[in-house]
Amino acid sequence: MTFNVHKDGSISDLQVIQPSTIDAFNTSASNALLASNPTQPLPPEYPADQAFFTITFYYNENPPSQ
């Protein structure tokens, strides 16, 4: 999933980039982010008006080792 967090903590441009084959997982991931909107604002010293994030949700599996 990708999205932007703005200076005031609002979340926008939420997109599912690599969807699960189980639609309920996609919906749950989107709803989790939407339910946290707005989130914590960006720090005042952050240089841009928004920050771009990419996150991965894992369901009943472990993330790959790094």
PDB file of N, CA and C in Angstrom:
ATOM      1  N   MET A   1       0.841  -1.155   0.000  1.00  0.00           N
ATOM      2  CA  MET A   1       0.000   0.000   0.000  1.00  0.00           C
ATOM      3  C   MET A   1       0.896   1.231   0.000  1.00  0.00           C
ATOM      4  N   THR A   2       0.465   2.248  -0.683  1.00  0.00           N
ATOM      5  CA  THR A   2       1.172   3.515  -0.667  1.00  0.00           C
ATOM      6  C   THR A   2       0.199   4.614  -0.290  1.00  0.00           C
ATOM      7  N   PHE A   3       0.745   5.676   0.313  1.00  0.00           N
ATOM      8  CA  PHE A   3      -0.078   6.821   0.695  1.00  0.00           C
ATOM      9  C   PHE A   3       0.833   7.973   1.083  1.00  0.00           C
ATOM     10  N   ASN A   4       0.241   9.145   1.182  1.00  0.00           N
ATOM     11  CA  ASN A   4       0.946  10.343   1.633  1.00  0.00           C
ATOM     12  C   ASN A   4       0.409  10.756   2.989  1.00  0.00           C
ATOM     13  N   VAL A   5       1.308  11.208   3.849  1.00  0.00           N
ATOM     14  CA  VAL A   5       0.922  11.846   5.110  1.00  0.00           C
ATOM     15  C   VAL A   5       1.308  13.309   4.987  1.00  0.00           C
ATOM     16  N   HIS A   6       0.346  14.187   5.249  1.00  0.00           N
ATOM     17  CA  HIS A   6       0.550  15.621   5.120  1.00  0.00           C
ATOM     18  C   HIS A   6       0.978  16.217   6.459  1.00  0.00           C
ATOM     19  N   LYS A   7       1.429  17.462   6.418  1.00  0.00           N
ATOM     20  CA  LYS A   7       1.920  18.156   7.628  1.00  0.00           C
ATOM     21  C   LYS A   7       0.936  18.055   8.781  1.00  0.00           C
ATOM     22  N   ASP A   8      -0.370  18.130   8.482  1.00  0.00           N
ATOM     23  CA  ASP A   8      -1.385  18.090   9.529  1.00  0.00           C
ATOM     24  C   ASP A   8      -1.752  16.676   9.970  1.00  0.00           C
ATOM     25  N   GLY A   9      -1.116  15.654   9.375  1.00  0.00           N
ATOM     26  CA  GLY A   9      -1.380  14.263   9.726  1.00  0.00           C
ATOM     27  C   GLY A   9      -2.429  13.592   8.865  1.00  0.00           C
ATOM     28  N   SER A  10      -3.039  14.336   7.951  1.00  0.00           N
ATOM     29  CA  SER A  10      -4.053  13.724   7.090  1.00  0.00           C
ATOM     30  C   SER A  10      -3.382  12.772   6.095  1.00  0.00           C
ATOM     31  N   ILE A  11      -4.098  11.709   5.772  1.00  0.00           N
ATOM     32  CA  ILE A  11      -3.625  10.684   4.846  1.00  0.00           C
ATOM     33  C   ILE A  11      -4.382  10.851   3.530  1.00  0.00           C
ATOM     34  N   SER A  12      -3.647  10.794   2.412  1.00  0.00           N
ATOM     35  CA  SER A  12      -4.292  10.892   1.103  1.00  0.00           C
ATOM     36  C   SER A  12      -3.619   9.930   0.127  1.00  0.00           C
ATOM     37  N   ASP A  13      -4.236   9.799  -1.023  1.00  0.00           N
ATOM     38  CA  ASP A  13      -3.677   9.034  -2.146  1.00  0.00           C
ATOM     39  C   ASP A  13      -3.396   7.570  -1.793  1.00  0.00           C
ATOM     40  N   LEU A  14      -4.275   6.979  -1.001  1.00  0.00           N
ATOM     41  CA  LEU A  14      -4.130   5.585  -0.582  1.00  0.00           C
ATOM     42  C   LEU A  14      -4.354   4.672  -1.790  1.00  0.00           C
ATOM     43  N   GLN A  15      -3.375   3.792  -2.048  1.00  0.00           N
ATOM     44  CA  GLN A  15      -3.482   2.857  -3.167  1.00  0.00           C
ATOM     45  C   GLN A  15      -2.979   1.478  -2.763  1.00  0.00           C
ATOM     46  N   VAL A  16      -3.674   0.463  -3.241  1.00  0.00           N
ATOM     47  CA  VAL A  16      -3.207  -0.916  -3.096  1.00  0.00           C
ATOM     48  C   VAL A  16      -2.328  -1.197  -4.314  1.00  0.00           C
ATOM     49  N   ILE A  17      -1.044  -1.390  -4.079  1.00  0.00           N
ATOM     50  CA  ILE A  17      -0.092  -1.567  -5.173  1.00  0.00           C
ATOM     51  C   ILE A  17       0.015  -3.025  -5.608  1.00  0.00           C
ATOM     52  N   GLN A  18       0.088  -3.935  -4.641  1.00  0.00           N
ATOM     53  CA  GLN A  18       0.178  -5.362  -4.959  1.00  0.00           C
ATOM     54  C   GLN A  18      -0.931  -6.054  -4.179  1.00  0.00           C
ATOM     55  N   PRO A  19      -2.112  -6.154  -4.765  1.00  0.00           N
ATOM     56  CA  PRO A  19      -3.252  -6.691  -4.022  1.00  0.00           C
ATOM     57  C   PRO A  19      -3.120  -8.172  -3.691  1.00  0.00           C
ATOM     58  N   SER A  20      -3.758  -8.522  -2.598  1.00  0.00           N
ATOM     59  CA  SER A  20      -3.880  -9.927  -2.230  1.00  0.00           C
ATOM     60  C   SER A  20      -4.910 -10.582  -3.141  1.00  0.00           C
ATOM     61  N   THR A  21      -4.833 -11.885  -3.258  1.00  0.00           N
ATOM     62  CA  THR A  21      -5.863 -12.605  -4.018  1.00  0.00           C
ATOM     63  C   THR A  21      -7.149 -12.718  -3.204  1.00  0.00           C
ATOM     64  N   ILE A  22      -7.068 -12.357  -1.920  1.00  0.00           N
ATOM     65  CA  ILE A  22      -8.239 -12.384  -1.039  1.00  0.00           C
ATOM     66  C   ILE A  22      -8.682 -10.941  -0.842  1.00  0.00           C
ATOM     67  N   ASP A  23      -9.808 -10.591  -1.431  1.00  0.00           N
ATOM     68  CA  ASP A  23     -10.269  -9.204  -1.431  1.00  0.00           C
ATOM     69  C   ASP A  23     -10.474  -8.652  -0.020  1.00  0.00           C
ATOM     70  N   ALA A  24     -10.888  -9.498   0.901  1.00  0.00           N
ATOM     71  CA  ALA A  24     -11.101  -9.048   2.284  1.00  0.00           C
ATOM     72  C   ALA A  24      -9.804  -8.547   2.916  1.00  0.00           C
ATOM     73  N   PHE A  25      -8.670  -9.110   2.542  1.00  0.00           N
ATOM     74  CA  PHE A  25      -7.380  -8.626   3.050  1.00  0.00           C
ATOM     75  C   PHE A  25      -7.079  -7.224   2.533  1.00  0.00           C
ATOM     76  N   ASN A  26      -7.372  -6.986   1.256  1.00  0.00           N
ATOM     77  CA  ASN A  26      -7.166  -5.658   0.685  1.00  0.00           C
ATOM     78  C   ASN A  26      -8.045  -4.627   1.373  1.00  0.00           C
ATOM     79  N   THR A  27      -9.292  -4.992   1.582  1.00  0.00           N
ATOM     80  CA  THR A  27     -10.238  -4.089   2.249  1.00  0.00           C
ATOM     81  C   THR A  27      -9.810  -3.817   3.677  1.00  0.00           C
ATOM     82  N   SER A  28      -9.375  -4.838   4.388  1.00  0.00           N
ATOM     83  CA  SER A  28      -8.931  -4.679   5.776  1.00  0.00           C
ATOM     84  C   SER A  28      -7.715  -3.772   5.882  1.00  0.00           C
ATOM     85  N   ALA A  29      -6.771  -3.934   4.990  1.00  0.00           N
ATOM     86  CA  ALA A  29      -5.580  -3.094   5.010  1.00  0.00           C
ATOM     87  C   ALA A  29      -5.948  -1.640   4.733  1.00  0.00           C
ATOM     88  N   SER A  30      -6.779  -1.415   3.749  1.00  0.00           N
ATOM     89  CA  SER A  30      -7.224  -0.047   3.436  1.00  0.00           C
ATOM     90  C   SER A  30      -7.985   0.556   4.608  1.00  0.00           C
ATOM     91  N   ASN A  31      -8.891  -0.213   5.180  1.00  0.00           N
ATOM     92  CA  ASN A  31      -9.685   0.288   6.302  1.00  0.00           C
ATOM     93  C   ASN A  31      -8.828   0.596   7.527  1.00  0.00           C
ATOM     94  N   ALA A  32      -7.781  -0.174   7.746  1.00  0.00           N
ATOM     95  CA  ALA A  32      -6.883   0.092   8.875  1.00  0.00           C
ATOM     96  C   ALA A  32      -6.238   1.462   8.728  1.00  0.00           C
ATOM     97  N   LEU A  33      -5.808   1.787   7.527  1.00  0.00           N
ATOM     98  CA  LEU A  33      -5.194   3.095   7.303  1.00  0.00           C
ATOM     99  C   LEU A  33      -6.230   4.211   7.344  1.00  0.00           C
ATOM    100  N   LEU A  34      -7.388   3.981   6.749  1.00  0.00           N
ATOM    101  CA  LEU A  34      -8.433   5.007   6.769  1.00  0.00           C
ATOM    102  C   LEU A  34      -8.919   5.288   8.187  1.00  0.00           C
ATOM    103  N   ALA A  35      -8.953   4.267   9.024  1.00  0.00           N
ATOM    104  CA  ALA A  35      -9.394   4.448  10.414  1.00  0.00           C
ATOM    105  C   ALA A  35      -8.385   5.256  11.224  1.00  0.00           C
ATOM    106  N   SER A  36      -7.144   5.304  10.766  1.00  0.00           N
ATOM    107  CA  SER A  36      -6.122   6.075  11.487  1.00  0.00           C
ATOM    108  C   SER A  36      -5.945   7.475  10.900  1.00  0.00           C
ATOM    109  N   ASN A  37      -6.867   7.869  10.039  1.00  0.00           N
ATOM    110  CA  ASN A  37      -6.798   9.166   9.377  1.00  0.00           C
ATOM    111  C   ASN A  37      -7.632  10.186  10.135  1.00  0.00           C
ATOM    112  N   PRO A  38      -7.057  11.251  10.683  1.00  0.00           N
ATOM    113  CA  PRO A  38      -5.660  11.644  10.549  1.00  0.00           C
ATOM    114  C   PRO A  38      -4.774  10.901  11.544  1.00  0.00           C
ATOM    115  N   THR A  39      -3.525  10.830  11.222  1.00  0.00           N
ATOM    116  CA  THR A  39      -2.522  10.231  12.088  1.00  0.00           C
ATOM    117  C   THR A  39      -1.701  11.354  12.720  1.00  0.00           C
ATOM    118  N   GLN A  40      -0.567  11.018  13.282  1.00  0.00           N
ATOM    119  CA  GLN A  40       0.292  12.037  13.878  1.00  0.00           C
ATOM    120  C   GLN A  40       0.779  12.998  12.792  1.00  0.00           C
ATOM    121  N   PRO A  41       0.787  14.294  13.076  1.00  0.00           N
ATOM    122  CA  PRO A  41       1.303  15.236  12.080  1.00  0.00           C
ATOM    123  C   PRO A  41       2.807  15.049  11.869  1.00  0.00           C
ATOM    124  N   LEU A  42       3.262  15.477  10.726  1.00  0.00           N
ATOM    125  CA  LEU A  42       4.702  15.445  10.460  1.00  0.00           C
ATOM    126  C   LEU A  42       5.394  16.442  11.383  1.00  0.00           C
ATOM    127  N   PRO A  43       6.629  16.193  11.754  1.00  0.00           N
ATOM    128  CA  PRO A  43       7.352  17.135  12.608  1.00  0.00           C
ATOM    129  C   PRO A  43       7.467  18.504  11.918  1.00  0.00           C
ATOM    130  N   PRO A  44       7.429  19.566  12.678  1.00  0.00           N
ATOM    131  CA  PRO A  44       7.523  20.908  12.079  1.00  0.00           C
ATOM    132  C   PRO A  44       8.780  21.101  11.233  1.00  0.00           C
ATOM    133  N   GLU A  45       9.858  20.424  11.610  1.00  0.00           N
ATOM    134  CA  GLU A  45      11.104  20.589  10.864  1.00  0.00           C
ATOM    135  C   GLU A  45      11.167  19.731   9.597  1.00  0.00           C
ATOM    136  N   TYR A  46      10.144  18.905   9.345  1.00  0.00           N
ATOM    137  CA  TYR A  46      10.136  18.094   8.120  1.00  0.00           C
ATOM    138  C   TYR A  46      10.116  19.044   6.923  1.00  0.00           C
ATOM    139  N   PRO A  47      11.003  18.841   5.951  1.00  0.00           N
ATOM    140  CA  PRO A  47      11.197  19.841   4.898  1.00  0.00           C
ATOM    141  C   PRO A  47      10.096  19.935   3.845  1.00  0.00           C
ATOM    142  N   ALA A  48       9.276  18.905   3.689  1.00  0.00           N
ATOM    143  CA  ALA A  48       8.256  18.898   2.634  1.00  0.00           C
ATOM    144  C   ALA A  48       6.857  19.000   3.238  1.00  0.00           C
ATOM    145  N   ASP A  49       5.879  19.261   2.394  1.00  0.00           N
ATOM    146  CA  ASP A  49       4.489  19.363   2.847  1.00  0.00           C
ATOM    147  C   ASP A  49       3.851  18.001   3.086  1.00  0.00           C
ATOM    148  N   GLN A  50       4.472  16.957   2.554  1.00  0.00           N
ATOM    149  CA  GLN A  50       3.945  15.606   2.740  1.00  0.00           C
ATOM    150  C   GLN A  50       5.082  14.597   2.671  1.00  0.00           C
ATOM    151  N   ALA A  51       4.819  13.411   3.228  1.00  0.00           N
ATOM    152  CA  ALA A  51       5.771  12.305   3.176  1.00  0.00           C
ATOM    153  C   ALA A  51       5.078  11.114   2.508  1.00  0.00           C
ATOM    154  N   PHE A  52       5.790  10.458   1.617  1.00  0.00           N
ATOM    155  CA  PHE A  52       5.265   9.308   0.889  1.00  0.00           C
ATOM    156  C   PHE A  52       5.688   8.035   1.601  1.00  0.00           C
ATOM    157  N   PHE A  53       4.743   7.118   1.814  1.00  0.00           N
ATOM    158  CA  PHE A  53       5.023   5.855   2.503  1.00  0.00           C
ATOM    159  C   PHE A  53       4.588   4.674   1.652  1.00  0.00           C
ATOM    160  N   THR A  54       5.340   3.599   1.769  1.00  0.00           N
ATOM    161  CA  THR A  54       4.960   2.304   1.222  1.00  0.00           C
ATOM    162  C   THR A  54       5.009   1.313   2.370  1.00  0.00           C
ATOM    163  N   ILE A  55       3.915   0.600   2.592  1.00  0.00           N
ATOM    164  CA  ILE A  55       3.871  -0.387   3.678  1.00  0.00           C
ATOM    165  C   ILE A  55       3.334  -1.710   3.142  1.00  0.00           C
ATOM    166  N   THR A  56       3.670  -2.766   3.847  1.00  0.00           N
ATOM    167  CA  THR A  56       3.204  -4.105   3.497  1.00  0.00           C
ATOM    168  C   THR A  56       2.478  -4.703   4.688  1.00  0.00           C
ATOM    169  N   PHE A  57       1.314  -5.248   4.431  1.00  0.00           N
ATOM    170  CA  PHE A  57       0.569  -5.973   5.456  1.00  0.00           C
ATOM    171  C   PHE A  57       0.799  -7.465   5.229  1.00  0.00           C
ATOM    172  N   TYR A  58       1.075  -8.203   6.307  1.00  0.00           N
ATOM    173  CA  TYR A  58       1.239  -9.650   6.247  1.00  0.00           C
ATOM    174  C   TYR A  58       0.120 -10.297   7.050  1.00  0.00           C
ATOM    175  N   TYR A  59      -0.535 -11.272   6.460  1.00  0.00           N
ATOM    176  CA  TYR A  59      -1.614 -11.993   7.113  1.00  0.00           C
ATOM    177  C   TYR A  59      -1.208 -13.448   7.283  1.00  0.00           C
ATOM    178  N   ASN A  60      -1.095 -13.883   8.528  1.00  0.00           N
ATOM    179  CA  ASN A  60      -0.773 -15.286   8.844  1.00  0.00           C
ATOM    180  C   ASN A  60       0.505 -15.772   8.169  1.00  0.00           C
ATOM    181  N   GLU A  61       1.458 -14.905   8.053  1.00  0.00           N
ATOM    182  CA  GLU A  61       2.766 -15.289   7.523  1.00  0.00           C
ATOM    183  C   GLU A  61       3.812 -14.337   8.083  1.00  0.00           C
ATOM    184  N   ASN A  62       5.032 -14.752   8.017  1.00  0.00           N
ATOM    185  CA  ASN A  62       6.133 -13.921   8.512  1.00  0.00           C
ATOM    186  C   ASN A  62       6.710 -13.103   7.361  1.00  0.00           C
ATOM    187  N   PRO A  63       7.114 -11.862   7.661  1.00  0.00           N
ATOM    188  CA  PRO A  63       7.788 -11.087   6.609  1.00  0.00           C
ATOM    189  C   PRO A  63       9.079 -11.764   6.195  1.00  0.00           C
ATOM    190  N   PRO A  64       9.551 -11.512   4.989  1.00  0.00           N
ATOM    191  CA  PRO A  64      10.812 -12.116   4.555  1.00  0.00           C
ATOM    192  C   PRO A  64      11.976 -11.618   5.398  1.00  0.00           C
ATOM    193  N   SER A  65      12.948 -12.474   5.599  1.00  0.00           N
ATOM    194  CA  SER A  65      14.155 -12.100   6.345  1.00  0.00           C
ATOM    195  C   SER A  65      14.954 -11.108   5.538  1.00  0.00           C
ATOM    196  N   GLN A  66      15.616 -10.203   6.250  1.00  0.00           N
ATOM    197  CA  GLN A  66      16.424  -9.206   5.528  1.00  0.00           C
ATOM    198  C   GLN A  66      17.868  -9.389   5.790  1.00  0.00           C
TER     199      GLN A  66
END
